[in-house]
Amino acid sequence: MPSKLVDPKMIPTQTFDWGLIKPLVAKANTHNPAMSMLHVVLLPGKGHTRHNHPDADEILYILAGQGEQMVDDGKPFAVAAEKQPAWCAPEGAILQLPLTGSASTLRLGARFVKASAARWWVS
């Protein structure tokens, strides 16, 4: 499969009550990749509610801001761009990531090992 340069300005942004998603690498804009990459913005006072991705591991990388990541109903751990910018959530894990701190938004990159899993399930 040939590589493809993706221009983020040409990709529509998906809007939710909790934030924005721009699918930088996904089936819709590349040649059926085996993974996907999203740019995610969580809005002030918002965050991801409980959800999971049953078909893919998710790698998250904080670009700006801070939050508290919960995995499988365990004790939430602080995540921030300047402290712990990356972690991996295993396939099927229950996740929740509310925005914390004084930053107005939390920006992160999310990579899914299987592109088909780049959708959100709320439990």
N, C-alpha and C. Protein backbone atom coordinates (compact mmCIF):
# COMPACT_ATOMS: atom_id res chain seq x y z
N MET A 1 0.84 -1.16 0.00
CA MET A 1 0.00 0.00 0.00
C MET A 1 0.90 1.24 0.00
N PRO A 2 0.64 2.19 -0.89
CA PRO A 2 1.44 3.41 -0.90
C PRO A 2 1.12 4.28 0.32
N SER A 3 2.12 5.07 0.74
CA SER A 3 1.87 5.98 1.85
C SER A 3 1.04 7.16 1.36
N LYS A 4 0.43 7.87 2.29
CA LYS A 4 -0.41 8.99 1.93
C LYS A 4 -0.21 10.10 2.94
N LEU A 5 0.05 11.30 2.45
CA LEU A 5 0.15 12.47 3.31
C LEU A 5 -1.25 13.00 3.57
N VAL A 6 -1.62 13.15 4.84
CA VAL A 6 -2.95 13.62 5.21
C VAL A 6 -2.84 15.07 5.66
N ASP A 7 -3.60 15.96 5.04
CA ASP A 7 -3.63 17.37 5.41
C ASP A 7 -4.74 17.57 6.44
N PRO A 8 -4.40 17.85 7.71
CA PRO A 8 -5.44 18.01 8.74
C PRO A 8 -6.47 19.08 8.41
N LYS A 9 -6.09 20.10 7.66
CA LYS A 9 -7.04 21.16 7.31
C LYS A 9 -8.15 20.65 6.39
N MET A 10 -7.91 19.55 5.71
CA MET A 10 -8.89 19.00 4.78
C MET A 10 -9.81 17.96 5.43
N ILE A 11 -9.57 17.63 6.69
CA ILE A 11 -10.35 16.59 7.37
C ILE A 11 -11.42 17.26 8.25
N PRO A 12 -12.67 16.86 8.13
CA PRO A 12 -13.71 17.45 8.98
C PRO A 12 -13.50 17.08 10.45
N THR A 13 -13.87 18.00 11.32
CA THR A 13 -13.80 17.79 12.76
C THR A 13 -15.16 17.30 13.25
N GLN A 14 -15.14 16.24 14.04
CA GLN A 14 -16.36 15.71 14.64
C GLN A 14 -16.57 16.41 15.98
N THR A 15 -17.79 16.90 16.23
CA THR A 15 -18.09 17.66 17.44
C THR A 15 -19.03 16.87 18.35
N PHE A 16 -18.69 16.83 19.64
CA PHE A 16 -19.49 16.16 20.66
C PHE A 16 -19.70 17.14 21.81
N ASP A 17 -20.60 16.84 22.73
CA ASP A 17 -20.82 17.76 23.85
C ASP A 17 -19.60 17.85 24.75
N TRP A 18 -18.72 16.86 24.75
CA TRP A 18 -17.53 16.85 25.59
C TRP A 18 -16.27 17.34 24.89
N GLY A 19 -16.31 17.45 23.55
CA GLY A 19 -15.10 17.88 22.86
C GLY A 19 -15.13 17.64 21.36
N LEU A 20 -13.94 17.60 20.78
CA LEU A 20 -13.77 17.50 19.33
C LEU A 20 -12.83 16.35 18.99
N ILE A 21 -13.06 15.73 17.84
CA ILE A 21 -12.17 14.69 17.32
C ILE A 21 -11.89 14.99 15.85
N LYS A 22 -10.62 14.90 15.50
CA LYS A 22 -10.22 14.99 14.10
C LYS A 22 -9.50 13.68 13.78
N PRO A 23 -10.10 12.81 12.96
CA PRO A 23 -9.46 11.54 12.61
C PRO A 23 -8.36 11.75 11.58
N LEU A 24 -7.12 11.89 12.03
CA LEU A 24 -6.00 12.18 11.14
C LEU A 24 -5.67 11.00 10.22
N VAL A 25 -5.70 9.81 10.78
CA VAL A 25 -5.49 8.59 9.99
C VAL A 25 -6.64 7.65 10.32
N ALA A 26 -7.46 7.35 9.34
CA ALA A 26 -8.64 6.49 9.53
C ALA A 26 -9.05 5.92 8.18
N LYS A 27 -9.96 4.97 8.20
CA LYS A 27 -10.41 4.35 6.95
C LYS A 27 -10.98 5.37 5.98
N ALA A 28 -11.61 6.42 6.51
CA ALA A 28 -12.26 7.41 5.63
C ALA A 28 -11.27 8.25 4.83
N ASN A 29 -10.02 8.39 5.31
CA ASN A 29 -9.09 9.26 4.60
C ASN A 29 -7.76 8.62 4.21
N THR A 30 -7.61 7.33 4.44
CA THR A 30 -6.42 6.61 4.00
C THR A 30 -6.86 5.27 3.40
N HIS A 31 -5.90 4.49 2.99
CA HIS A 31 -6.21 3.24 2.30
C HIS A 31 -6.38 2.08 3.27
N ASN A 32 -7.48 2.09 4.03
CA ASN A 32 -7.83 1.01 4.93
C ASN A 32 -6.68 0.62 5.86
N PRO A 33 -6.23 1.56 6.72
CA PRO A 33 -5.09 1.27 7.58
C PRO A 33 -5.41 0.26 8.66
N ALA A 34 -4.37 -0.37 9.20
CA ALA A 34 -4.54 -1.32 10.30
C ALA A 34 -4.56 -0.62 11.65
N MET A 35 -4.42 0.71 11.64
CA MET A 35 -4.47 1.49 12.86
C MET A 35 -5.05 2.86 12.53
N SER A 36 -5.33 3.65 13.55
CA SER A 36 -5.83 4.99 13.33
C SER A 36 -5.15 5.95 14.29
N MET A 37 -5.21 7.23 13.97
CA MET A 37 -4.64 8.28 14.83
C MET A 37 -5.62 9.44 14.85
N LEU A 38 -5.99 9.87 16.07
CA LEU A 38 -6.96 10.95 16.23
C LEU A 38 -6.34 12.09 17.01
N HIS A 39 -6.75 13.31 16.70
CA HIS A 39 -6.45 14.46 17.54
C HIS A 39 -7.73 14.76 18.31
N VAL A 40 -7.65 14.78 19.64
CA VAL A 40 -8.82 14.92 20.49
C VAL A 40 -8.65 16.16 21.36
N VAL A 41 -9.72 16.94 21.49
CA VAL A 41 -9.74 18.09 22.39
C VAL A 41 -10.91 17.91 23.35
N LEU A 42 -10.61 17.88 24.65
CA LEU A 42 -11.65 17.82 25.68
C LEU A 42 -11.93 19.25 26.13
N LEU A 43 -13.20 19.62 26.17
CA LEU A 43 -13.60 20.98 26.49
C LEU A 43 -13.60 21.24 28.00
N PRO A 44 -13.53 22.52 28.42
CA PRO A 44 -13.51 22.87 29.85
C PRO A 44 -14.67 22.24 30.60
N GLY A 45 -14.33 21.63 31.76
CA GLY A 45 -15.35 21.01 32.60
C GLY A 45 -15.90 19.72 32.04
N LYS A 46 -15.34 19.22 30.95
CA LYS A 46 -15.85 18.01 30.30
C LYS A 46 -14.80 16.91 30.37
N GLY A 47 -14.99 15.90 29.59
CA GLY A 47 -14.06 14.79 29.50
C GLY A 47 -14.78 13.60 28.92
N HIS A 48 -14.04 12.53 28.72
CA HIS A 48 -14.65 11.30 28.23
C HIS A 48 -15.39 10.62 29.35
N THR A 49 -16.64 10.27 29.11
CA THR A 49 -17.38 9.45 30.07
C THR A 49 -16.92 8.00 29.92
N ARG A 50 -17.40 7.14 30.80
CA ARG A 50 -17.03 5.71 30.74
C ARG A 50 -17.31 5.15 29.35
N HIS A 51 -16.29 4.53 28.79
CA HIS A 51 -16.43 3.91 27.47
C HIS A 51 -15.34 2.86 27.33
N ASN A 52 -15.43 2.09 26.28
CA ASN A 52 -14.35 1.15 25.97
C ASN A 52 -14.23 0.99 24.46
N HIS A 53 -13.15 0.36 24.07
CA HIS A 53 -12.89 0.04 22.67
C HIS A 53 -12.64 -1.47 22.62
N PRO A 54 -13.70 -2.26 22.39
CA PRO A 54 -13.59 -3.71 22.52
C PRO A 54 -12.68 -4.37 21.50
N ASP A 55 -12.35 -3.67 20.42
CA ASP A 55 -11.57 -4.30 19.36
C ASP A 55 -10.17 -3.74 19.18
N ALA A 56 -9.69 -2.90 20.13
CA ALA A 56 -8.38 -2.30 19.90
C ALA A 56 -7.73 -1.80 21.18
N ASP A 57 -6.41 -1.88 21.23
CA ASP A 57 -5.65 -1.18 22.24
C ASP A 57 -5.68 0.31 21.88
N GLU A 58 -5.57 1.17 22.88
CA GLU A 58 -5.54 2.61 22.63
C GLU A 58 -4.30 3.19 23.30
N ILE A 59 -3.52 3.92 22.54
CA ILE A 59 -2.36 4.62 23.06
C ILE A 59 -2.73 6.10 23.09
N LEU A 60 -2.58 6.72 24.26
CA LEU A 60 -2.93 8.14 24.43
C LEU A 60 -1.67 8.94 24.71
N TYR A 61 -1.60 10.12 24.14
CA TYR A 61 -0.46 11.01 24.35
C TYR A 61 -1.00 12.42 24.61
N ILE A 62 -0.71 12.97 25.78
CA ILE A 62 -1.20 14.30 26.15
C ILE A 62 -0.34 15.36 25.47
N LEU A 63 -0.98 16.24 24.75
CA LEU A 63 -0.28 17.35 24.08
C LEU A 63 -0.32 18.62 24.92
N ALA A 64 -1.41 18.85 25.65
CA ALA A 64 -1.55 20.03 26.51
C ALA A 64 -2.65 19.78 27.52
N GLY A 65 -2.51 20.35 28.72
CA GLY A 65 -3.53 20.23 29.75
C GLY A 65 -3.27 19.06 30.68
N GLN A 66 -4.28 18.77 31.51
CA GLN A 66 -4.16 17.67 32.46
C GLN A 66 -5.53 17.08 32.77
N GLY A 67 -5.51 15.84 33.20
CA GLY A 67 -6.74 15.14 33.53
C GLY A 67 -6.46 14.00 34.49
N GLU A 68 -7.49 13.20 34.76
CA GLU A 68 -7.35 12.02 35.60
C GLU A 68 -7.88 10.82 34.85
N GLN A 69 -7.00 9.91 34.46
CA GLN A 69 -7.38 8.73 33.69
C GLN A 69 -7.79 7.60 34.63
N MET A 70 -8.95 7.01 34.38
CA MET A 70 -9.40 5.83 35.09
C MET A 70 -9.38 4.68 34.09
N VAL A 71 -8.86 3.53 34.52
CA VAL A 71 -8.85 2.33 33.69
C VAL A 71 -9.47 1.20 34.50
N ASP A 72 -10.50 0.56 33.92
CA ASP A 72 -11.17 -0.59 34.53
C ASP A 72 -11.62 -0.33 35.98
N ASP A 73 -12.21 0.84 36.22
CA ASP A 73 -12.75 1.22 37.52
C ASP A 73 -11.70 1.25 38.62
N GLY A 74 -10.42 1.29 38.23
CA GLY A 74 -9.35 1.41 39.22
C GLY A 74 -9.21 2.85 39.69
N LYS A 75 -8.27 3.07 40.59
CA LYS A 75 -8.02 4.41 41.10
C LYS A 75 -7.52 5.30 39.96
N PRO A 76 -8.15 6.46 39.75
CA PRO A 76 -7.69 7.37 38.69
C PRO A 76 -6.26 7.84 38.95
N PHE A 77 -5.51 8.04 37.88
CA PHE A 77 -4.15 8.56 38.01
C PHE A 77 -4.03 9.84 37.20
N ALA A 78 -3.26 10.78 37.73
CA ALA A 78 -3.09 12.08 37.08
C ALA A 78 -2.28 11.92 35.80
N VAL A 79 -2.72 12.59 34.76
CA VAL A 79 -1.98 12.64 33.50
C VAL A 79 -1.87 14.10 33.09
N ALA A 80 -0.69 14.49 32.66
CA ALA A 80 -0.45 15.87 32.25
C ALA A 80 0.67 15.90 31.23
N ALA A 81 0.63 16.89 30.36
CA ALA A 81 1.64 17.00 29.31
C ALA A 81 3.04 17.08 29.89
N GLU A 82 3.20 17.75 31.04
CA GLU A 82 4.54 17.92 31.60
C GLU A 82 4.96 16.79 32.53
N LYS A 83 4.07 15.85 32.85
CA LYS A 83 4.41 14.79 33.81
C LYS A 83 4.40 13.40 33.19
N GLN A 84 3.25 12.91 32.80
CA GLN A 84 3.12 11.56 32.25
C GLN A 84 2.35 11.68 30.95
N PRO A 85 3.03 11.97 29.84
CA PRO A 85 2.30 12.28 28.63
C PRO A 85 1.74 11.09 27.86
N ALA A 86 2.17 9.86 28.12
CA ALA A 86 1.70 8.74 27.29
C ALA A 86 1.39 7.52 28.14
N TRP A 87 0.39 6.76 27.71
CA TRP A 87 0.04 5.48 28.34
C TRP A 87 -0.77 4.66 27.35
N CYS A 88 -0.89 3.37 27.65
CA CYS A 88 -1.64 2.46 26.79
C CYS A 88 -2.78 1.84 27.57
N ALA A 89 -3.96 1.84 26.97
CA ALA A 89 -5.12 1.17 27.54
C ALA A 89 -5.36 -0.11 26.73
N PRO A 90 -5.39 -1.26 27.39
CA PRO A 90 -5.55 -2.51 26.65
C PRO A 90 -6.95 -2.66 26.03
N GLU A 91 -7.01 -3.46 25.02
CA GLU A 91 -8.28 -3.77 24.32
C GLU A 91 -9.37 -4.11 25.33
N GLY A 92 -10.52 -3.45 25.19
CA GLY A 92 -11.67 -3.74 26.03
C GLY A 92 -11.69 -3.06 27.38
N ALA A 93 -10.62 -2.37 27.78
CA ALA A 93 -10.58 -1.72 29.09
C ALA A 93 -11.65 -0.63 29.17
N ILE A 94 -12.25 -0.48 30.35
CA ILE A 94 -13.21 0.61 30.60
C ILE A 94 -12.38 1.85 30.93
N LEU A 95 -12.67 2.95 30.25
CA LEU A 95 -11.88 4.17 30.39
C LEU A 95 -12.77 5.36 30.73
N GLN A 96 -12.19 6.32 31.44
CA GLN A 96 -12.84 7.59 31.70
C GLN A 96 -11.73 8.62 31.91
N LEU A 97 -11.87 9.81 31.31
CA LEU A 97 -10.82 10.82 31.41
C LEU A 97 -11.45 12.21 31.53
N PRO A 98 -11.72 12.66 32.76
CA PRO A 98 -12.23 14.03 32.94
C PRO A 98 -11.08 15.04 32.95
N LEU A 99 -11.37 16.23 32.51
CA LEU A 99 -10.42 17.34 32.51
C LEU A 99 -10.27 17.85 33.94
N THR A 100 -9.04 18.14 34.36
CA THR A 100 -8.78 18.72 35.68
C THR A 100 -7.83 19.90 35.51
N GLY A 101 -7.61 20.63 36.57
CA GLY A 101 -6.65 21.74 36.55
C GLY A 101 -7.23 23.00 35.96
N SER A 102 -6.37 23.99 35.80
CA SER A 102 -6.80 25.30 35.35
C SER A 102 -6.77 25.47 33.83
N ALA A 103 -6.25 24.51 33.11
CA ALA A 103 -6.20 24.62 31.65
C ALA A 103 -7.61 24.64 31.08
N SER A 104 -7.78 25.39 30.04
CA SER A 104 -9.12 25.50 29.45
C SER A 104 -9.50 24.26 28.66
N THR A 105 -8.54 23.55 28.12
CA THR A 105 -8.82 22.32 27.37
C THR A 105 -7.73 21.29 27.66
N LEU A 106 -8.01 20.06 27.27
CA LEU A 106 -7.03 18.99 27.30
C LEU A 106 -6.91 18.49 25.86
N ARG A 107 -5.72 18.60 25.29
CA ARG A 107 -5.51 18.12 23.92
C ARG A 107 -4.68 16.85 23.99
N LEU A 108 -5.10 15.84 23.24
CA LEU A 108 -4.34 14.60 23.22
C LEU A 108 -4.42 13.92 21.87
N GLY A 109 -3.47 13.06 21.64
CA GLY A 109 -3.48 12.20 20.47
C GLY A 109 -3.88 10.81 20.92
N ALA A 110 -4.70 10.16 20.13
CA ALA A 110 -5.13 8.79 20.44
C ALA A 110 -4.83 7.92 19.24
N ARG A 111 -4.17 6.81 19.47
CA ARG A 111 -3.86 5.87 18.40
C ARG A 111 -4.50 4.55 18.74
N PHE A 112 -5.21 3.99 17.78
CA PHE A 112 -5.84 2.68 17.94
C PHE A 112 -5.10 1.67 17.08
N VAL A 113 -4.85 0.49 17.63
CA VAL A 113 -4.11 -0.52 16.90
C VAL A 113 -4.93 -1.07 15.74
N LYS A 114 -6.25 -1.08 15.85
CA LYS A 114 -7.11 -1.49 14.75
C LYS A 114 -7.97 -0.31 14.36
N ALA A 115 -7.92 0.11 13.12
CA ALA A 115 -8.64 1.32 12.68
C ALA A 115 -10.15 1.18 12.86
N SER A 116 -10.68 -0.02 12.81
CA SER A 116 -12.12 -0.20 12.96
C SER A 116 -12.61 0.20 14.34
N ALA A 117 -11.70 0.31 15.30
CA ALA A 117 -12.09 0.64 16.67
C ALA A 117 -12.11 2.14 16.94
N ALA A 118 -11.90 2.96 15.96
CA ALA A 118 -11.88 4.40 16.17
C ALA A 118 -13.31 4.94 16.20
N ARG A 119 -14.10 4.40 17.11
CA ARG A 119 -15.45 4.89 17.41
C ARG A 119 -15.58 4.82 18.92
N TRP A 120 -16.57 5.50 19.45
CA TRP A 120 -16.71 5.57 20.91
C TRP A 120 -17.92 4.73 21.34
N TRP A 121 -17.69 3.90 22.35
CA TRP A 121 -18.77 3.14 22.97
C TRP A 121 -18.92 3.66 24.39
N VAL A 122 -20.12 3.96 24.80
CA VAL A 122 -20.36 4.40 26.17
C VAL A 122 -21.07 3.28 26.91
N SER A 123 -20.55 2.94 28.09
CA SER A 123 -21.18 1.87 28.87
C SER A 123 -21.96 2.43 30.02
